[in-house]
PDB file of N, CA and C in Angstrom:
ATOM      1  N   UNK A   1      13.136  30.508 136.205  1.00  0.00           N
ATOM      2  CA  UNK A   1      12.896  29.940 137.506  1.00  0.00           C
ATOM      3  C   UNK A   1      12.615  28.447 137.352  1.00  0.00           C
ATOM      4  N   UNK A   2      13.195  27.658 138.210  1.00  0.00           N
ATOM      5  CA  UNK A   2      13.002  26.212 138.102  1.00  0.00           C
ATOM      6  C   UNK A   2      11.698  25.793 138.753  1.00  0.00           C
ATOM      7  N   UNK A   3      11.250  24.610 138.397  1.00  0.00           N
ATOM      8  CA  UNK A   3      10.037  24.063 139.007  1.00  0.00           C
ATOM      9  C   UNK A   3      10.221  23.907 140.508  1.00  0.00           C
ATOM     10  N   UNK A   4      11.422  23.516 140.906  1.00  0.00           N
ATOM     11  CA  UNK A   4      11.736  23.344 142.329  1.00  0.00           C
ATOM     12  C   UNK A   4      11.562  24.661 143.087  1.00  0.00           C
ATOM     13  N   UNK A   5      12.044  25.766 142.519  1.00  0.00           N
ATOM     14  CA  UNK A   5      11.924  27.081 143.148  1.00  0.00           C
ATOM     15  C   UNK A   5      10.461  27.484 143.258  1.00  0.00           C
ATOM     16  N   UNK A   6       9.697  27.250 142.211  1.00  0.00           N
ATOM     17  CA  UNK A   6       8.270  27.598 142.230  1.00  0.00           C
ATOM     18  C   UNK A   6       7.545  26.786 143.300  1.00  0.00           C
ATOM     19  N   UNK A   7       7.834  25.506 143.421  1.00  0.00           N
ATOM     20  CA  UNK A   7       7.196  24.677 144.448  1.00  0.00           C
ATOM     21  C   UNK A   7       7.568  25.168 145.843  1.00  0.00           C
ATOM     22  N   UNK A   8       8.841  25.562 146.030  1.00  0.00           N
ATOM     23  CA  UNK A   8       9.261  26.089 147.323  1.00  0.00           C
ATOM     24  C   UNK A   8       8.531  27.381 147.658  1.00  0.00           C
ATOM     25  N   UNK A   9       8.387  28.263 146.684  1.00  0.00           N
ATOM     26  CA  UNK A   9       7.671  29.519 146.912  1.00  0.00           C
ATOM     27  C   UNK A   9       6.228  29.259 147.310  1.00  0.00           C
ATOM     28  N   UNK A  10       5.582  28.311 146.661  1.00  0.00           N
ATOM     29  CA  UNK A  10       4.185  28.000 146.995  1.00  0.00           C
ATOM     30  C   UNK A  10       4.088  27.420 148.412  1.00  0.00           C
ATOM     31  N   UNK A  11       5.065  26.604 148.787  1.00  0.00           N
ATOM     32  CA  UNK A  11       5.078  26.017 150.122  1.00  0.00           C
ATOM     33  C   UNK A  11       5.323  27.093 151.187  1.00  0.00           C
ATOM     34  N   UNK A  12       6.247  27.984 150.914  1.00  0.00           N
ATOM     35  CA  UNK A  12       6.513  29.096 151.839  1.00  0.00           C
ATOM     36  C   UNK A  12       5.264  29.959 151.973  1.00  0.00           C
ATOM     37  N   UNK A  13       4.630  30.265 150.852  1.00  0.00           N
ATOM     38  CA  UNK A  13       3.395  31.057 150.878  1.00  0.00           C
ATOM     39  C   UNK A  13       2.328  30.352 151.709  1.00  0.00           C
ATOM     40  N   UNK A  14       2.187  29.058 151.520  1.00  0.00           N
ATOM     41  CA  UNK A  14       1.187  28.298 152.269  1.00  0.00           C
ATOM     42  C   UNK A  14       1.419  28.418 153.782  1.00  0.00           C
ATOM     43  N   UNK A  15       2.649  28.205 154.222  1.00  0.00           N
ATOM     44  CA  UNK A  15       2.916  28.260 155.660  1.00  0.00           C
ATOM     45  C   UNK A  15       2.771  29.663 156.228  1.00  0.00           C
ATOM     46  N   UNK A  16       3.171  30.674 155.484  1.00  0.00           N
ATOM     47  CA  UNK A  16       2.965  32.045 155.939  1.00  0.00           C
ATOM     48  C   UNK A  16       1.468  32.366 156.034  1.00  0.00           C
ATOM     49  N   UNK A  17       0.700  31.947 155.018  1.00  0.00           N
ATOM     50  CA  UNK A  17      -0.741  32.212 155.017  1.00  0.00           C
ATOM     51  C   UNK A  17      -1.447  31.502 156.171  1.00  0.00           C
ATOM     52  N   UNK A  18      -1.105  30.238 156.393  1.00  0.00           N
ATOM     53  CA  UNK A  18      -1.725  29.484 157.486  1.00  0.00           C
ATOM     54  C   UNK A  18      -1.360  30.115 158.830  1.00  0.00           C
ATOM     55  N   UNK A  19      -0.082  30.464 159.005  1.00  0.00           N
ATOM     56  CA  UNK A  19       0.347  31.078 160.261  1.00  0.00           C
ATOM     57  C   UNK A  19      -0.400  32.372 160.549  1.00  0.00           C
ATOM     58  N   UNK A  20      -0.506  33.230 159.551  1.00  0.00           N
ATOM     59  CA  UNK A  20      -1.225  34.490 159.735  1.00  0.00           C
ATOM     60  C   UNK A  20      -2.709  34.253 159.977  1.00  0.00           C
ATOM     61  N   UNK A  21      -3.299  33.349 159.213  1.00  0.00           N
ATOM     62  CA  UNK A  21      -4.732  33.070 159.370  1.00  0.00           C
ATOM     63  C   UNK A  21      -5.038  32.540 160.764  1.00  0.00           C
ATOM     64  N   UNK A  22      -4.204  31.663 161.273  1.00  0.00           N
ATOM     65  CA  UNK A  22      -4.426  31.110 162.619  1.00  0.00           C
ATOM     66  C   UNK A  22      -4.370  32.219 163.666  1.00  0.00           C
ATOM     67  N   UNK A  23      -3.425  33.129 163.530  1.00  0.00           N
ATOM     68  CA  UNK A  23      -3.305  34.234 164.487  1.00  0.00           C
ATOM     69  C   UNK A  23      -4.571  35.085 164.486  1.00  0.00           C
ATOM     70  N   UNK A  24      -5.018  35.476 163.295  1.00  0.00           N
ATOM     71  CA  UNK A  24      -6.218  36.318 163.206  1.00  0.00           C
ATOM     72  C   UNK A  24      -7.468  35.564 163.668  1.00  0.00           C
ATOM     73  N   UNK A  25      -7.582  34.291 163.287  1.00  0.00           N
ATOM     74  CA  UNK A  25      -8.747  33.500 163.718  1.00  0.00           C
ATOM     75  C   UNK A  25      -8.768  33.308 165.234  1.00  0.00           C
ATOM     76  N   UNK A  26      -7.616  32.993 165.803  1.00  0.00           N
ATOM     77  CA  UNK A  26      -7.544  32.805 167.248  1.00  0.00           C
ATOM     78  C   UNK A  26      -7.975  34.079 167.978  1.00  0.00           C
ATOM     79  N   UNK A  27      -7.414  35.208 167.560  1.00  0.00           N
ATOM     80  CA  UNK A  27      -7.749  36.472 168.214  1.00  0.00           C
ATOM     81  C   UNK A  27      -9.238  36.775 168.096  1.00  0.00           C
ATOM     82  N   UNK A  28      -9.811  36.519 166.931  1.00  0.00           N
ATOM     83  CA  UNK A  28     -11.239  36.791 166.724  1.00  0.00           C
ATOM     84  C   UNK A  28     -12.105  35.910 167.616  1.00  0.00           C
ATOM     85  N   UNK A  29     -11.822  34.619 167.613  1.00  0.00           N
ATOM     86  CA  UNK A  29     -12.624  33.690 168.418  1.00  0.00           C
ATOM     87  C   UNK A  29     -12.446  33.973 169.904  1.00  0.00           C
ATOM     88  N   UNK A  30     -11.205  34.198 170.325  1.00  0.00           N
ATOM     89  CA  UNK A  30     -10.941  34.476 171.743  1.00  0.00           C
ATOM     90  C   UNK A  30     -11.629  35.767 172.182  1.00  0.00           C
ATOM     91  N   UNK A  31     -11.676  36.759 171.299  1.00  0.00           N
ATOM     92  CA  UNK A  31     -12.326  38.016 171.691  1.00  0.00           C
ATOM     93  C   UNK A  31     -13.843  37.875 171.776  1.00  0.00           C
ATOM     94  N   UNK A  32     -14.419  36.939 171.028  1.00  0.00           N
ATOM     95  CA  UNK A  32     -15.850  36.663 171.187  1.00  0.00           C
ATOM     96  C   UNK A  32     -16.112  35.914 172.492  1.00  0.00           C
ATOM     97  N   UNK A  33     -15.203  35.001 172.854  1.00  0.00           N
ATOM     98  CA  UNK A  33     -15.383  34.184 174.053  1.00  0.00           C
ATOM     99  C   UNK A  33     -15.059  34.946 175.341  1.00  0.00           C
ATOM    100  N   UNK A  34     -14.016  35.766 175.308  1.00  0.00           N
ATOM    101  CA  UNK A  34     -13.563  36.521 176.487  1.00  0.00           C
ATOM    102  C   UNK A  34     -13.296  37.981 176.109  1.00  0.00           C
ATOM    103  N   UNK A  35     -14.336  38.737 175.796  1.00  0.00           N
ATOM    104  CA  UNK A  35     -14.116  40.102 175.313  1.00  0.00           C
ATOM    105  C   UNK A  35     -13.375  40.998 176.303  1.00  0.00           C
ATOM    106  N   UNK A  36     -13.547  40.771 177.586  1.00  0.00           N
ATOM    107  CA  UNK A  36     -12.870  41.622 178.566  1.00  0.00           C
ATOM    108  C   UNK A  36     -11.349  41.507 178.483  1.00  0.00           C
ATOM    109  N   UNK A  37     -10.860  40.370 178.009  1.00  0.00           N
ATOM    110  CA  UNK A  37      -9.413  40.185 177.865  1.00  0.00           C
ATOM    111  C   UNK A  37      -8.847  40.933 176.659  1.00  0.00           C
ATOM    112  N   UNK A  38      -9.708  41.365 175.753  1.00  0.00           N
ATOM    113  CA  UNK A  38      -9.252  41.955 174.496  1.00  0.00           C
ATOM    114  C   UNK A  38      -9.598  43.435 174.342  1.00  0.00           C
ATOM    115  N   UNK A  39     -10.595  43.906 175.059  1.00  0.00           N
ATOM    116  CA  UNK A  39     -11.041  45.299 174.933  1.00  0.00           C
ATOM    117  C   UNK A  39      -9.913  46.275 175.261  1.00  0.00           C
ATOM    118  N   UNK A  40      -9.047  45.910 176.182  1.00  0.00           N
ATOM    119  CA  UNK A  40      -7.964  46.800 176.582  1.00  0.00           C
ATOM    120  C   UNK A  40      -6.954  47.092 175.490  1.00  0.00           C
ATOM    121  N   UNK A  41      -6.922  46.267 174.450  1.00  0.00           N
ATOM    122  CA  UNK A  41      -5.984  46.487 173.355  1.00  0.00           C
ATOM    123  C   UNK A  41      -6.511  47.454 172.304  1.00  0.00           C
ATOM    124  N   UNK A  42      -7.787  47.804 172.403  1.00  0.00           N
ATOM    125  CA  UNK A  42      -8.355  48.751 171.438  1.00  0.00           C
ATOM    126  C   UNK A  42      -7.829  50.154 171.734  1.00  0.00           C
ATOM    127  N   UNK A  43      -7.489  50.913 170.712  1.00  0.00           N
ATOM    128  CA  UNK A  43      -7.004  52.280 170.949  1.00  0.00           C
ATOM    129  C   UNK A  43      -8.059  53.132 171.653  1.00  0.00           C
ATOM    130  N   UNK A  44      -7.601  53.949 172.583  1.00  0.00           N
ATOM    131  CA  UNK A  44      -8.513  54.778 173.369  1.00  0.00           C
ATOM    132  C   UNK A  44      -9.337  55.724 172.497  1.00  0.00           C
ATOM    133  N   UNK A  45      -8.722  56.281 171.451  1.00  0.00           N
ATOM    134  CA  UNK A  45      -9.458  57.219 170.613  1.00  0.00           C
ATOM    135  C   UNK A  45     -10.621  56.533 169.891  1.00  0.00           C
ATOM    136  N   UNK A  46     -10.480  55.241 169.558  1.00  0.00           N
ATOM    137  CA  UNK A  46     -11.590  54.522 168.929  1.00  0.00           C
ATOM    138  C   UNK A  46     -12.679  54.191 169.947  1.00  0.00           C
ATOM    139  N   UNK A  47     -12.253  53.840 171.166  1.00  0.00           N
ATOM    140  CA  UNK A  47     -13.244  53.543 172.213  1.00  0.00           C
ATOM    141  C   UNK A  47     -14.021  54.787 172.598  1.00  0.00           C
ATOM    142  N   UNK A  48     -13.450  55.964 172.358  1.00  0.00           N
ATOM    143  CA  UNK A  48     -14.157  57.213 172.628  1.00  0.00           C
ATOM    144  C   UNK A  48     -15.218  57.475 171.562  1.00  0.00           C
ATOM    145  N   UNK A  49     -15.021  56.909 170.376  1.00  0.00           N
ATOM    146  CA  UNK A  49     -15.963  57.127 169.278  1.00  0.00           C
ATOM    147  C   UNK A  49     -17.063  56.067 169.190  1.00  0.00           C
ATOM    148  N   UNK A  50     -16.735  54.824 169.581  1.00  0.00           N
ATOM    149  CA  UNK A  50     -17.664  53.702 169.438  1.00  0.00           C
ATOM    150  C   UNK A  50     -17.712  52.897 170.731  1.00  0.00           C
ATOM    151  N   UNK A  51     -18.845  52.238 170.998  1.00  0.00           N
ATOM    152  CA  UNK A  51     -18.878  51.334 172.145  1.00  0.00           C
ATOM    153  C   UNK A  51     -17.824  50.225 171.970  1.00  0.00           C
ATOM    154  N   UNK A  52     -17.056  49.955 173.020  1.00  0.00           N
ATOM    155  CA  UNK A  52     -15.924  49.032 172.938  1.00  0.00           C
ATOM    156  C   UNK A  52     -16.342  47.640 172.461  1.00  0.00           C
ATOM    157  N   UNK A  53     -17.437  47.113 172.991  1.00  0.00           N
ATOM    158  CA  UNK A  53     -17.870  45.761 172.600  1.00  0.00           C
ATOM    159  C   UNK A  53     -18.270  45.703 171.131  1.00  0.00           C
ATOM    160  N   UNK A  54     -18.924  46.737 170.654  1.00  0.00           N
ATOM    161  CA  UNK A  54     -19.318  46.798 169.243  1.00  0.00           C
ATOM    162  C   UNK A  54     -18.071  46.877 168.352  1.00  0.00           C
ATOM    163  N   UNK A  55     -17.132  47.716 168.743  1.00  0.00           N
ATOM    164  CA  UNK A  55     -15.884  47.860 168.006  1.00  0.00           C
ATOM    165  C   UNK A  55     -15.116  46.539 167.977  1.00  0.00           C
ATOM    166  N   UNK A  56     -15.035  45.879 169.118  1.00  0.00           N
ATOM    167  CA  UNK A  56     -14.325  44.600 169.198  1.00  0.00           C
ATOM    168  C   UNK A  56     -15.011  43.533 168.343  1.00  0.00           C
ATOM    169  N   UNK A  57     -16.339  43.491 168.386  1.00  0.00           N
ATOM    170  CA  UNK A  57     -17.080  42.528 167.572  1.00  0.00           C
ATOM    171  C   UNK A  57     -16.875  42.762 166.086  1.00  0.00           C
ATOM    172  N   UNK A  58     -16.921  44.013 165.673  1.00  0.00           N
ATOM    173  CA  UNK A  58     -16.708  44.347 164.263  1.00  0.00           C
ATOM    174  C   UNK A  58     -15.292  44.000 163.813  1.00  0.00           C
ATOM    175  N   UNK A  59     -14.325  44.287 164.672  1.00  0.00           N
ATOM    176  CA  UNK A  59     -12.943  43.965 164.338  1.00  0.00           C
ATOM    177  C   UNK A  59     -12.744  42.457 164.257  1.00  0.00           C
ATOM    178  N   UNK A  60     -13.413  41.720 165.123  1.00  0.00           N
ATOM    179  CA  UNK A  60     -13.310  40.255 165.106  1.00  0.00           C
ATOM    180  C   UNK A  60     -13.881  39.672 163.818  1.00  0.00           C
ATOM    181  N   UNK A  61     -14.977  40.220 163.355  1.00  0.00           N
ATOM    182  CA  UNK A  61     -15.553  39.775 162.082  1.00  0.00           C
ATOM    183  C   UNK A  61     -14.564  40.070 160.952  1.00  0.00           C
ATOM    184  N   UNK A  62     -13.972  41.250 160.982  1.00  0.00           N
ATOM    185  CA  UNK A  62     -12.949  41.608 159.987  1.00  0.00           C
ATOM    186  C   UNK A  62     -11.794  40.605 160.015  1.00  0.00           C
ATOM    187  N   UNK A  63     -11.327  40.223 161.209  1.00  0.00           N
ATOM    188  CA  UNK A  63     -10.225  39.273 161.333  1.00  0.00           C
ATOM    189  C   UNK A  63     -10.598  37.899 160.761  1.00  0.00           C
ATOM    190  N   UNK A  64     -11.825  37.487 160.962  1.00  0.00           N
ATOM    191  CA  UNK A  64     -12.281  36.199 160.420  1.00  0.00           C
ATOM    192  C   UNK A  64     -12.292  36.246 158.895  1.00  0.00           C
ATOM    193  N   UNK A  65     -12.807  37.330 158.348  1.00  0.00           N
ATOM    194  CA  UNK A  65     -12.830  37.490 156.885  1.00  0.00           C
ATOM    195  C   UNK A  65     -11.411  37.493 156.332  1.00  0.00           C
ATOM    196  N   UNK A  66     -10.512  38.226 156.980  1.00  0.00           N
ATOM    197  CA  UNK A  66      -9.123  38.277 156.536  1.00  0.00           C
ATOM    198  C   UNK A  66      -8.472  36.892 156.618  1.00  0.00           C
ATOM    199  N   UNK A  67      -8.785  36.144 157.662  1.00  0.00           N
ATOM    200  CA  UNK A  67      -8.243  34.787 157.806  1.00  0.00           C
ATOM    201  C   UNK A  67      -8.658  33.895 156.648  1.00  0.00           C
ATOM    202  N   UNK A  68      -9.936  33.906 156.326  1.00  0.00           N
ATOM    203  CA  UNK A  68     -10.414  33.069 155.227  1.00  0.00           C
ATOM    204  C   UNK A  68      -9.869  33.539 153.876  1.00  0.00           C
ATOM    205  N   UNK A  69      -9.685  34.848 153.734  1.00  0.00           N
ATOM    206  CA  UNK A  69      -9.082  35.357 152.504  1.00  0.00           C
ATOM    207  C   UNK A  69      -7.661  34.821 152.358  1.00  0.00           C
ATOM    208  N   UNK A  70      -6.880  34.878 153.437  1.00  0.00           N
ATOM    209  CA  UNK A  70      -5.511  34.356 153.387  1.00  0.00           C
ATOM    210  C   UNK A  70      -5.503  32.863 153.055  1.00  0.00           C
ATOM    211  N   UNK A  71      -6.432  32.129 153.595  1.00  0.00           N
ATOM    212  CA  UNK A  71      -6.491  30.687 153.345  1.00  0.00           C
ATOM    213  C   UNK A  71      -6.985  30.346 151.944  1.00  0.00           C
ATOM    214  N   UNK A  72      -7.698  31.283 151.326  1.00  0.00           N
ATOM    215  CA  UNK A  72      -8.283  31.027 150.006  1.00  0.00           C
ATOM    216  C   UNK A  72      -7.238  30.917 148.892  1.00  0.00           C
ATOM    217  N   UNK A  73      -6.083  31.473 149.095  1.00  0.00           N
ATOM    218  CA  UNK A  73      -5.023  31.507 148.081  1.00  0.00           C
ATOM    219  C   UNK A  73      -5.458  32.284 146.834  1.00  0.00           C
ATOM    220  N   UNK A  74      -6.302  33.283 147.022  1.00  0.00           N
ATOM    221  CA  UNK A  74      -6.765  34.150 145.932  1.00  0.00           C
ATOM    222  C   UNK A  74      -6.347  35.587 146.241  1.00  0.00           C
ATOM    223  N   UNK A  75      -5.688  36.233 145.288  1.00  0.00           N
ATOM    224  CA  UNK A  75      -5.262  37.632 145.443  1.00  0.00           C
ATOM    225  C   UNK A  75      -4.572  37.843 146.799  1.00  0.00           C
ATOM    226  N   UNK A  76      -3.527  37.087 147.027  1.00  0.00           N
ATOM    227  CA  UNK A  76      -2.852  37.076 148.322  1.00  0.00           C
ATOM    228  C   UNK A  76      -2.056  38.350 148.583  1.00  0.00           C
ATOM    229  N   UNK A  77      -1.517  38.973 147.560  1.00  0.00           N
ATOM    230  CA  UNK A  77      -0.749  40.200 147.800  1.00  0.00           C
ATOM    231  C   UNK A  77      -1.577  41.246 148.556  1.00  0.00           C
ATOM    232  N   UNK A  78      -2.782  41.607 148.089  1.00  0.00           N
ATOM    233  CA  UNK A  78      -3.530  42.610 148.854  1.00  0.00           C
ATOM    234  C   UNK A  78      -3.940  42.105 150.242  1.00  0.00           C
ATOM    235  N   UNK A  79      -4.200  40.818 150.377  1.00  0.00           N
ATOM    236  CA  UNK A  79      -4.541  40.268 151.696  1.00  0.00           C
ATOM    237  C   UNK A  79      -3.353  40.390 152.645  1.00  0.00           C
ATOM    238  N   UNK A  80      -2.152  40.126 152.128  1.00  0.00           N
ATOM    239  CA  UNK A  80      -0.944  40.221 152.949  1.00  0.00           C
ATOM    240  C   UNK A  80      -0.674  41.671 153.349  1.00  0.00           C
ATOM    241  N   UNK A  81      -0.873  42.594 152.418  1.00  0.00           N
ATOM    242  CA  UNK A  81      -0.690  44.016 152.732  1.00  0.00           C
ATOM    243  C   UNK A  81      -1.697  44.441 153.801  1.00  0.00           C
ATOM    244  N   UNK A  82      -2.939  44.014 153.659  1.00  0.00           N
ATOM    245  CA  UNK A  82      -3.958  44.336 154.655  1.00  0.00           C
ATOM    246  C   UNK A  82      -3.605  43.733 156.019  1.00  0.00           C
ATOM    247  N   UNK A  83      -3.114  42.507 156.024  1.00  0.00           N
ATOM    248  CA  UNK A  83      -2.695  41.874 157.274  1.00  0.00           C
ATOM    249  C   UNK A  83      -1.551  42.669 157.905  1.00  0.00           C
ATOM    250  N   UNK A  84      -0.575  43.086 157.094  1.00  0.00           N
ATOM    251  CA  UNK A  84       0.553  43.863 157.614  1.00  0.00           C
ATOM    252  C   UNK A  84       0.085  45.204 158.178  1.00  0.00           C
ATOM    253  N   UNK A  85      -0.792  45.885 157.462  1.00  0.00           N
ATOM    254  CA  UNK A  85      -1.315  47.160 157.955  1.00  0.00           C
ATOM    255  C   UNK A  85      -2.099  46.974 159.251  1.00  0.00           C
ATOM    256  N   UNK A  86      -2.882  45.916 159.304  1.00  0.00           N
ATOM    257  CA  UNK A  86      -3.657  45.621 160.512  1.00  0.00           C
ATOM    258  C   UNK A  86      -2.726  45.433 161.700  1.00  0.00           C
ATOM    259  N   UNK A  87      -1.692  44.630 161.511  1.00  0.00           N
ATOM    260  CA  UNK A  87      -0.746  44.386 162.601  1.00  0.00           C
ATOM    261  C   UNK A  87       0.005  45.656 162.978  1.00  0.00           C
ATOM    262  N   UNK A  88       0.378  46.447 161.994  1.00  0.00           N
ATOM    263  CA  UNK A  88       1.053  47.713 162.275  1.00  0.00           C
ATOM    264  C   UNK A  88       0.181  48.600 163.165  1.00  0.00           C
ATOM    265  N   UNK A  89      -1.117  48.672 162.819  1.00  0.00           N
ATOM    266  CA  UNK A  89      -2.021  49.530 163.587  1.00  0.00           C
ATOM    267  C   UNK A  89      -2.475  48.892 164.908  1.00  0.00           C
ATOM    268  N   UNK A  90      -2.143  47.639 165.120  1.00  0.00           N
ATOM    269  CA  UNK A  90      -2.316  47.019 166.438  1.00  0.00           C
ATOM    270  C   UNK A  90      -1.093  47.333 167.298  1.00  0.00           C
ATOM    271  N   UNK A  91       0.084  47.256 166.694  1.00  0.00           N
ATOM    272  CA  UNK A  91       1.332  47.436 167.436  1.00  0.00           C
ATOM    273  C   UNK A  91       1.526  48.884 167.886  1.00  0.00           C
ATOM    274  N   UNK A  92       1.404  49.826 166.963  1.00  0.00           N
ATOM    275  CA  UNK A  92       1.760  51.221 167.255  1.00  0.00           C
ATOM    276  C   UNK A  92       0.992  51.797 168.450  1.00  0.00           C
ATOM    277  N   UNK A  93      -0.341  51.688 168.520  1.00  0.00           N
ATOM    278  CA  UNK A  93      -1.012  52.290 169.678  1.00  0.00           C
ATOM    279  C   UNK A  93      -0.728  51.556 170.994  1.00  0.00           C
ATOM    280  N   UNK A  94      -0.242  50.331 170.899  1.00  0.00           N
ATOM    281  CA  UNK A  94       0.001  49.541 172.110  1.00  0.00           C
ATOM    282  C   UNK A  94       1.476  49.507 172.510  1.00  0.00           C
ATOM    283  N   UNK A  95       2.290  50.393 171.934  1.00  0.00           N
ATOM    284  CA  UNK A  95       3.705  50.457 172.293  1.00  0.00           C
ATOM    285  C   UNK A  95       3.885  51.240 173.597  1.00  0.00           C
ATOM    286  N   UNK A  96       3.410  50.655 174.649  1.00  0.00           N
ATOM    287  CA  UNK A  96       3.577  51.240 175.978  1.00  0.00           C
ATOM    288  C   UNK A  96       4.364  50.242 176.822  1.00  0.00           C
ATOM    289  N   UNK A  97       5.082  50.725 177.803  1.00  0.00           N
ATOM    290  CA  UNK A  97       5.863  49.795 178.637  1.00  0.00           C
ATOM    291  C   UNK A  97       5.012  48.687 179.268  1.00  0.00           C
ATOM    292  N   UNK A  98       3.786  48.988 179.623  1.00  0.00           N
ATOM    293  CA  UNK A  98       2.949  47.975 180.278  1.00  0.00           C
ATOM    294  C   UNK A  98       2.447  46.900 179.321  1.00  0.00           C
ATOM    295  N   UNK A  99       2.363  47.187 178.034  1.00  0.00           N
ATOM    296  CA  UNK A  99       1.854  46.221 177.065  1.00  0.00           C
ATOM    297  C   UNK A  99       2.937  45.597 176.188  1.00  0.00           C
ATOM    298  N   UNK A 100       4.150  46.134 176.222  1.00  0.00           N
ATOM    299  CA  UNK A 100       5.165  45.649 175.299  1.00  0.00           C
ATOM    300  C   UNK A 100       5.515  44.184 175.525  1.00  0.00           C
ATOM    301  N   UNK A 101       5.365  43.675 176.743  1.00  0.00           N
ATOM    302  CA  UNK A 101       5.631  42.249 176.996  1.00  0.00           C
ATOM    303  C   UNK A 101       4.683  41.349 176.208  1.00  0.00           C
ATOM    304  N   UNK A 102       3.556  41.871 175.813  1.00  0.00           N
ATOM    305  CA  UNK A 102       2.588  41.106 175.024  1.00  0.00           C
ATOM    306  C   UNK A 102       2.730  41.440 173.534  1.00  0.00           C
ATOM    307  N   UNK A 103       2.849  42.710 173.228  1.00  0.00           N
ATOM    308  CA  UNK A 103       2.817  43.186 171.842  1.00  0.00           C
ATOM    309  C   UNK A 103       4.100  42.863 171.073  1.00  0.00           C
ATOM    310  N   UNK A 104       5.221  42.620 171.767  1.00  0.00           N
ATOM    311  CA  UNK A 104       6.475  42.388 171.040  1.00  0.00           C
ATOM    312  C   UNK A 104       6.363  41.203 170.080  1.00  0.00           C
ATOM    313  N   UNK A 105       5.519  40.233 170.403  1.00  0.00           N
ATOM    314  CA  UNK A 105       5.337  39.073 169.508  1.00  0.00           C
ATOM    315  C   UNK A 105       4.683  39.478 168.195  1.00  0.00           C
ATOM    316  N   UNK A 106       3.886  40.516 168.240  1.00  0.00           N
ATOM    317  CA  UNK A 106       3.217  40.970 167.023  1.00  0.00           C
ATOM    318  C   UNK A 106       4.206  41.487 165.981  1.00  0.00           C
ATOM    319  N   UNK A 107       5.405  41.882 166.422  1.00  0.00           N
ATOM    320  CA  UNK A 107       6.419  42.338 165.474  1.00  0.00           C
ATOM    321  C   UNK A 107       6.828  41.174 164.558  1.00  0.00           C
ATOM    322  N   UNK A 108       6.973  39.984 165.119  1.00  0.00           N
ATOM    323  CA  UNK A 108       7.308  38.808 164.297  1.00  0.00           C
ATOM    324  C   UNK A 108       6.163  38.468 163.349  1.00  0.00           C
ATOM    325  N   UNK A 109       4.936  38.605 163.817  1.00  0.00           N
ATOM    326  CA  UNK A 109       3.784  38.324 162.962  1.00  0.00           C
ATOM    327  C   UNK A 109       3.699  39.361 161.843  1.00  0.00           C
ATOM    328  N   UNK A 110       3.958  40.626 162.175  1.00  0.00           N
ATOM    329  CA  UNK A 110       4.008  41.683 161.163  1.00  0.00           C
ATOM    330  C   UNK A 110       5.071  41.360 160.111  1.00  0.00           C
ATOM    331  N   UNK A 111       6.224  40.897 160.558  1.00  0.00           N
ATOM    332  CA  UNK A 111       7.289  40.529 159.624  1.00  0.00           C
ATOM    333  C   UNK A 111       6.852  39.395 158.700  1.00  0.00           C
ATOM    334  N   UNK A 112       6.083  38.460 159.215  1.00  0.00           N
ATOM    335  CA  UNK A 112       5.553  37.372 158.381  1.00  0.00           C
ATOM    336  C   UNK A 112       4.608  37.915 157.310  1.00  0.00           C
ATOM    337  N   UNK A 113       3.763  38.860 157.694  1.00  0.00           N
ATOM    338  CA  UNK A 113       2.832  39.445 156.727  1.00  0.00           C
ATOM    339  C   UNK A 113       3.594  40.218 155.646  1.00  0.00           C
ATOM    340  N   UNK A 114       4.632  40.933 156.040  1.00  0.00           N
ATOM    341  CA  UNK A 114       5.444  41.663 155.061  1.00  0.00           C
ATOM    342  C   UNK A 114       6.159  40.676 154.133  1.00  0.00           C
ATOM    343  N   UNK A 115       6.698  39.602 154.699  1.00  0.00           N
ATOM    344  CA  UNK A 115       7.373  38.578 153.880  1.00  0.00           C
ATOM    345  C   UNK A 115       6.397  37.966 152.875  1.00  0.00           C
ATOM    346  N   UNK A 116       5.176  37.700 153.305  1.00  0.00           N
ATOM    347  CA  UNK A 116       4.170  37.148 152.393  1.00  0.00           C
ATOM    348  C   UNK A 116       3.849  38.136 151.281  1.00  0.00           C
ATOM    349  N   UNK A 117       3.726  39.410 151.628  1.00  0.00           N
ATOM    350  CA  UNK A 117       3.445  40.424 150.605  1.00  0.00           C
ATOM    351  C   UNK A 117       4.576  40.485 149.586  1.00  0.00           C
ATOM    352  N   UNK A 118       5.812  40.449 150.051  1.00  0.00           N
ATOM    353  CA  UNK A 118       6.958  40.474 149.135  1.00  0.00           C
ATOM    354  C   UNK A 118       6.954  39.233 148.241  1.00  0.00           C
ATOM    355  N   UNK A 119       6.701  38.086 148.846  1.00  0.00           N
ATOM    356  CA  UNK A 119       6.683  36.831 148.091  1.00  0.00           C
ATOM    357  C   UNK A 119       5.587  36.825 147.024  1.00  0.00           C
ATOM    358  N   UNK A 120       4.441  37.392 147.341  1.00  0.00           N
ATOM    359  CA  UNK A 120       3.282  37.343 146.441  1.00  0.00           C
ATOM    360  C   UNK A 120       3.195  38.518 145.476  1.00  0.00           C
ATOM    361  N   UNK A 121       4.093  39.492 145.614  1.00  0.00           N
ATOM    362  CA  UNK A 121       4.058  40.652 144.726  1.00  0.00           C
ATOM    363  C   UNK A 121       4.409  40.233 143.306  1.00  0.00           C
ATOM    364  N   UNK A 122       3.547  40.564 142.391  1.00  0.00           N
ATOM    365  CA  UNK A 122       3.751  40.252 140.969  1.00  0.00           C
ATOM    366  C   UNK A 122       3.643  41.575 140.201  1.00  0.00           C
ATOM    367  N   UNK A 123       4.784  42.136 139.786  1.00  0.00           N
ATOM    368  CA  UNK A 123       4.713  43.403 139.030  1.00  0.00           C
ATOM    369  C   UNK A 123       3.989  43.204 137.700  1.00  0.00           C
ATOM    370  N   UNK A 124       3.322  44.250 137.272  1.00  0.00           N
ATOM    371  CA  UNK A 124       2.621  44.183 135.992  1.00  0.00           C
ATOM    372  C   UNK A 124       3.626  44.107 134.862  1.00  0.00           C
ATOM    373  N   UNK A 125       3.323  43.275 133.905  1.00  0.00           N
ATOM    374  CA  UNK A 125       4.178  43.130 132.732  1.00  0.00           C
ATOM    375  C   UNK A 125       3.579  43.960 131.604  1.00  0.00           C
ATOM    376  N   UNK A 126       4.381  44.799 131.000  1.00  0.00           N
ATOM    377  CA  UNK A 126       3.885  45.664 129.937  1.00  0.00           C
ATOM    378  C   UNK A 126       4.366  45.210 128.552  1.00  0.00           C
ATOM    379  N   UNK A 127       4.779  43.966 128.451  1.00  0.00           N
ATOM    380  CA  UNK A 127       5.256  43.495 127.134  1.00  0.00           C
ATOM    381  C   UNK A 127       4.164  42.904 126.313  1.00  0.00           C
TER     382      UNK A 127
END
């Protein structure tokens, strides 16, 4: 691999990480500021188990931690996989006709998280 290719990969990783981190940070901060706008996206089965505001607050803290992890540039593969799983579990319960106009954008964000995971995957070397 050339130095040029390695620099490009690091730059691509940087932009994917920043893009994902901004999305998670924005959602977390916005849900603290306007929780009523975000509670409706929580799956009904979870709201039946936990108070919605508590669940939303806990999820927002998780999103902030995930954002800083992505920005840290440390162990990015598992962070990217976690981001992809998070987005997957946001999209699937919200695939209803009334919410799809909002959730369809999350498919592109999910694709970014998957691309980052692929880019950052480093198979173990047994030599």
